[in-house]
Amino acid sequence: MSRNERIDKWLSMDRETLDEVYRQAPAGTLPEGDTRGTAIVAGAFFARCYARLARLLAWQGKVFDLYGPGKEVGVLVNKILPLGLTFIVAKVYRDASWMDGRETIVIDYSSTSFLARRIRDEIREVEPGVYLGKVWWGKTRILDFALIRNDQ
């Protein structure tokens, strides 16, 4: 299955099935460099339409910059708006998932962004270069997303 076919399949899944895909995946390697993002409104009848609109008008992905021993921590910026401007910085590190307590890659905005300080993303690598993510607003899960490394 190609990366795009996998993302397309995720767009047709309900939230419980998508959560199971996430639970079964290892944290994997931290992404580095440019990624392409897809917003997923799990279980929505118009999920593909929402994903296209989100990419066109709001969010295109993330750009990761890793550092430290073994490049296991870093920062990222989100690519937003139709021009793909980089905006909204976050810290990136490994920690326990709020969903299942297992290791995940955390994208933490709490100390880097006034606008997104209540947001926490978690991602796991489902296959090399393909990540499934969960978005939390405080302790409430609000959205899913996919990232594909552009070097794949």
C-alpha atoms as a PDB file:
ATOM      1  CA  MET A   1       0.000   0.000   0.000  1.00  0.00           C
ATOM      2  CA  SER A   2       1.419   3.415  -0.941  1.00  0.00           C
ATOM      3  CA  ARG A   3       1.718   6.213   1.620  1.00  0.00           C
ATOM      4  CA  ASN A   4      -1.104   8.161  -0.018  1.00  0.00           C
ATOM      5  CA  GLU A   5      -3.342   5.084  -0.125  1.00  0.00           C
ATOM      6  CA  ARG A   6      -2.702   4.552   3.602  1.00  0.00           C
ATOM      7  CA  ILE A   7      -3.695   8.153   4.395  1.00  0.00           C
ATOM      8  CA  ASP A   8      -6.749   7.806   2.166  1.00  0.00           C
ATOM      9  CA  LYS A   9      -7.730   4.658   4.081  1.00  0.00           C
ATOM     10  CA  TRP A  10      -7.344   6.512   7.398  1.00  0.00           C
ATOM     11  CA  LEU A  11      -9.713   9.203   6.130  1.00  0.00           C
ATOM     12  CA  SER A  12     -12.449   6.577   5.824  1.00  0.00           C
ATOM     13  CA  MET A  13     -11.974   5.072   9.316  1.00  0.00           C
ATOM     14  CA  ASP A  14     -14.032   5.816  12.386  1.00  0.00           C
ATOM     15  CA  ARG A  15     -12.300   7.143  15.489  1.00  0.00           C
ATOM     16  CA  GLU A  16     -12.159   3.794  17.317  1.00  0.00           C
ATOM     17  CA  THR A  17     -10.489   2.026  14.379  1.00  0.00           C
ATOM     18  CA  LEU A  18      -8.003   4.872  13.906  1.00  0.00           C
ATOM     19  CA  ASP A  19      -7.231   4.777  17.640  1.00  0.00           C
ATOM     20  CA  GLU A  20      -6.442   1.060  17.317  1.00  0.00           C
ATOM     21  CA  VAL A  21      -3.994   1.767  14.466  1.00  0.00           C
ATOM     22  CA  TYR A  22      -2.289   4.312  16.744  1.00  0.00           C
ATOM     23  CA  ARG A  23      -2.194   1.937  19.734  1.00  0.00           C
ATOM     24  CA  GLN A  24      -0.554  -0.814  17.675  1.00  0.00           C
ATOM     25  CA  ALA A  25       2.219   1.408  16.290  1.00  0.00           C
ATOM     26  CA  PRO A  26       5.583   1.996  17.979  1.00  0.00           C
ATOM     27  CA  ALA A  27       6.721   5.558  18.678  1.00  0.00           C
ATOM     28  CA  GLY A  28       9.270   5.098  15.887  1.00  0.00           C
ATOM     29  CA  THR A  29      11.903   7.573  14.806  1.00  0.00           C
ATOM     30  CA  LEU A  30      11.444  11.281  15.250  1.00  0.00           C
ATOM     31  CA  PRO A  31      10.707  12.930  11.908  1.00  0.00           C
ATOM     32  CA  GLU A  32      13.324  15.331  10.623  1.00  0.00           C
ATOM     33  CA  GLY A  33      12.882  18.066   8.073  1.00  0.00           C
ATOM     34  CA  ASP A  34       9.762  18.825   6.080  1.00  0.00           C
ATOM     35  CA  THR A  35       6.550  16.796   6.379  1.00  0.00           C
ATOM     36  CA  ARG A  36       3.241  16.938   4.558  1.00  0.00           C
ATOM     37  CA  GLY A  37       0.205  16.957   6.811  1.00  0.00           C
ATOM     38  CA  THR A  38      -3.369  15.739   6.433  1.00  0.00           C
ATOM     39  CA  ALA A  39      -6.047  16.662   8.971  1.00  0.00           C
ATOM     40  CA  ILE A  40      -8.349  13.732   9.760  1.00  0.00           C
ATOM     41  CA  VAL A  41     -11.863  14.200  11.099  1.00  0.00           C
ATOM     42  CA  ALA A  42     -12.356  10.527  11.943  1.00  0.00           C
ATOM     43  CA  GLY A  43     -15.742   9.117  11.085  1.00  0.00           C
ATOM     44  CA  ALA A  44     -16.946  12.247   9.285  1.00  0.00           C
ATOM     45  CA  PHE A  45     -18.946  11.712   6.101  1.00  0.00           C
ATOM     46  CA  PHE A  46     -16.998  14.500   4.364  1.00  0.00           C
ATOM     47  CA  ALA A  47     -13.569  13.597   5.838  1.00  0.00           C
ATOM     48  CA  ARG A  48     -11.774  13.849   2.489  1.00  0.00           C
ATOM     49  CA  CYS A  49     -13.338  17.240   1.806  1.00  0.00           C
ATOM     50  CA  TYR A  50     -12.363  18.508   5.272  1.00  0.00           C
ATOM     51  CA  ALA A  51      -8.793  17.277   4.740  1.00  0.00           C
ATOM     52  CA  ARG A  52      -8.494  19.070   1.383  1.00  0.00           C
ATOM     53  CA  LEU A  53      -9.943  22.307   2.749  1.00  0.00           C
ATOM     54  CA  ALA A  54      -7.668  22.207   5.799  1.00  0.00           C
ATOM     55  CA  ARG A  55      -4.580  21.744   3.600  1.00  0.00           C
ATOM     56  CA  LEU A  56      -5.662  24.452   1.182  1.00  0.00           C
ATOM     57  CA  LEU A  57      -6.679  27.083   3.744  1.00  0.00           C
ATOM     58  CA  ALA A  58      -5.095  26.308   7.101  1.00  0.00           C
ATOM     59  CA  TRP A  59      -2.415  23.649   7.688  1.00  0.00           C
ATOM     60  CA  GLN A  60       0.000  21.904   5.324  1.00  0.00           C
ATOM     61  CA  GLY A  61       2.299  20.052   7.740  1.00  0.00           C
ATOM     62  CA  LYS A  62       5.269  20.537  10.045  1.00  0.00           C
ATOM     63  CA  VAL A  63       9.008  21.177   9.708  1.00  0.00           C
ATOM     64  CA  PHE A  64      11.127  19.361  12.324  1.00  0.00           C
ATOM     65  CA  ASP A  65      14.606  20.414  13.506  1.00  0.00           C
ATOM     66  CA  LEU A  66      16.199  17.784  15.762  1.00  0.00           C
ATOM     67  CA  TYR A  67      19.263  18.129  17.981  1.00  0.00           C
ATOM     68  CA  GLY A  68      20.883  16.587  21.043  1.00  0.00           C
ATOM     69  CA  PRO A  69      22.454  13.156  21.507  1.00  0.00           C
ATOM     70  CA  GLY A  70      21.014  10.801  18.910  1.00  0.00           C
ATOM     71  CA  LYS A  71      18.701  13.613  17.734  1.00  0.00           C
ATOM     72  CA  GLU A  72      15.984  12.540  20.176  1.00  0.00           C
ATOM     73  CA  VAL A  73      14.672  16.031  20.987  1.00  0.00           C
ATOM     74  CA  GLY A  74      13.962  19.068  18.874  1.00  0.00           C
ATOM     75  CA  VAL A  75      11.617  21.803  17.815  1.00  0.00           C
ATOM     76  CA  LEU A  76       9.204  22.222  14.949  1.00  0.00           C
ATOM     77  CA  VAL A  77       7.203  24.876  13.186  1.00  0.00           C
ATOM     78  CA  ASN A  78       3.830  24.356  11.545  1.00  0.00           C
ATOM     79  CA  LYS A  79       3.264  25.223   7.894  1.00  0.00           C
ATOM     80  CA  ILE A  80       0.047  27.220   7.758  1.00  0.00           C
ATOM     81  CA  LEU A  81      -2.090  29.309   5.435  1.00  0.00           C
ATOM     82  CA  PRO A  82      -2.189  28.901   1.655  1.00  0.00           C
ATOM     83  CA  LEU A  83       1.409  30.151   1.345  1.00  0.00           C
ATOM     84  CA  GLY A  84       2.823  27.480   3.673  1.00  0.00           C
ATOM     85  CA  LEU A  85       4.242  30.048   6.090  1.00  0.00           C
ATOM     86  CA  THR A  86       6.081  28.565   9.051  1.00  0.00           C
ATOM     87  CA  PHE A  87       4.447  29.585  12.306  1.00  0.00           C
ATOM     88  CA  ILE A  88       3.631  28.226  15.770  1.00  0.00           C
ATOM     89  CA  VAL A  89       6.686  26.608  17.348  1.00  0.00           C
ATOM     90  CA  ALA A  90       6.625  23.475  19.529  1.00  0.00           C
ATOM     91  CA  LYS A  91       9.073  21.293  21.447  1.00  0.00           C
ATOM     92  CA  VAL A  92       9.466  17.671  20.302  1.00  0.00           C
ATOM     93  CA  TYR A  93      10.434  14.803  22.612  1.00  0.00           C
ATOM     94  CA  ARG A  94       9.471  11.293  23.701  1.00  0.00           C
ATOM     95  CA  ASP A  95       7.098  10.699  26.608  1.00  0.00           C
ATOM     96  CA  ALA A  96       4.146   8.547  27.664  1.00  0.00           C
ATOM     97  CA  SER A  97       1.015   8.853  25.536  1.00  0.00           C
ATOM     98  CA  TRP A  98      -2.095  10.295  27.146  1.00  0.00           C
ATOM     99  CA  MET A  99      -4.078   7.708  25.198  1.00  0.00           C
ATOM    100  CA  ASP A 100      -2.447   4.467  26.355  1.00  0.00           C
ATOM    101  CA  GLY A 101       0.602   5.286  28.507  1.00  0.00           C
ATOM    102  CA  ARG A 102       3.036   3.791  25.974  1.00  0.00           C
ATOM    103  CA  GLU A 103       5.922   5.752  24.487  1.00  0.00           C
ATOM    104  CA  THR A 104       4.998   8.320  21.855  1.00  0.00           C
ATOM    105  CA  ILE A 105       6.529  11.354  20.190  1.00  0.00           C
ATOM    106  CA  VAL A 106       5.122  14.476  21.846  1.00  0.00           C
ATOM    107  CA  ILE A 107       4.700  17.831  20.132  1.00  0.00           C
ATOM    108  CA  ASP A 108       4.334  20.268  23.012  1.00  0.00           C
ATOM    109  CA  TYR A 109       3.219  23.878  22.526  1.00  0.00           C
ATOM    110  CA  SER A 110       2.750  24.722  26.225  1.00  0.00           C
ATOM    111  CA  SER A 111       5.901  26.818  26.648  1.00  0.00           C
ATOM    112  CA  THR A 112       6.506  27.942  23.060  1.00  0.00           C
ATOM    113  CA  SER A 113       3.227  29.376  21.788  1.00  0.00           C
ATOM    114  CA  PHE A 114       0.704  31.701  23.371  1.00  0.00           C
ATOM    115  CA  LEU A 115      -1.927  30.794  20.755  1.00  0.00           C
ATOM    116  CA  ALA A 116      -1.479  27.022  21.014  1.00  0.00           C
ATOM    117  CA  ARG A 117      -0.298  26.628  24.619  1.00  0.00           C
ATOM    118  CA  ARG A 118      -3.173  24.213  25.446  1.00  0.00           C
ATOM    119  CA  ILE A 119      -2.400  21.985  22.453  1.00  0.00           C
ATOM    120  CA  ARG A 120      -0.432  18.743  22.666  1.00  0.00           C
ATOM    121  CA  ASP A 121       0.073  16.508  19.661  1.00  0.00           C
ATOM    122  CA  GLU A 122       1.224  12.904  19.848  1.00  0.00           C
ATOM    123  CA  ILE A 123       2.524  10.948  16.857  1.00  0.00           C
ATOM    124  CA  ARG A 124       3.592   7.370  16.183  1.00  0.00           C
ATOM    125  CA  GLU A 125       5.341   5.988  13.108  1.00  0.00           C
ATOM    126  CA  VAL A 126       2.999   3.455  11.488  1.00  0.00           C
ATOM    127  CA  GLU A 127       5.483   2.694   8.704  1.00  0.00           C
ATOM    128  CA  PRO A 128       8.803   4.343   7.799  1.00  0.00           C
ATOM    129  CA  GLY A 129       8.140   8.034   7.258  1.00  0.00           C
ATOM    130  CA  VAL A 130       4.364   7.803   7.848  1.00  0.00           C
ATOM    131  CA  TYR A 131       3.004   9.062  11.181  1.00  0.00           C
ATOM    132  CA  LEU A 132      -0.459   8.996  12.719  1.00  0.00           C
ATOM    133  CA  GLY A 133      -1.121  11.777  15.197  1.00  0.00           C
ATOM    134  CA  LYS A 134      -3.608  12.756  17.887  1.00  0.00           C
ATOM    135  CA  VAL A 135      -4.379  16.364  18.839  1.00  0.00           C
ATOM    136  CA  TRP A 136      -5.294  17.204  22.431  1.00  0.00           C
ATOM    137  CA  TRP A 137      -6.817  20.488  23.644  1.00  0.00           C
ATOM    138  CA  GLY A 138      -6.069  20.342  27.350  1.00  0.00           C
ATOM    139  CA  LYS A 139      -6.995  16.747  28.177  1.00  0.00           C
ATOM    140  CA  THR A 140      -9.685  16.500  25.460  1.00  0.00           C
ATOM    141  CA  ARG A 141      -8.873  14.758  22.190  1.00  0.00           C
ATOM    142  CA  ILE A 142     -10.128  16.864  19.317  1.00  0.00           C
ATOM    143  CA  LEU A 143      -8.631  15.676  16.050  1.00  0.00           C
ATOM    144  CA  ASP A 144      -6.379  13.193  14.257  1.00  0.00           C
ATOM    145  CA  PHE A 145      -3.774  13.877  11.591  1.00  0.00           C
ATOM    146  CA  ALA A 146      -1.212  12.210   9.373  1.00  0.00           C
ATOM    147  CA  LEU A 147       2.315  13.288   8.523  1.00  0.00           C
ATOM    148  CA  ILE A 148       4.477  11.997   5.680  1.00  0.00           C
ATOM    149  CA  ARG A 149       8.166  12.866   5.545  1.00  0.00           C
ATOM    150  CA  ASN A 150       8.848  14.628   2.254  1.00  0.00           C
ATOM    151  CA  ASP A 151      12.129  12.723   1.773  1.00  0.00           C
ATOM    152  CA  GLN A 152      10.258   9.415   1.421  1.00  0.00           C
END
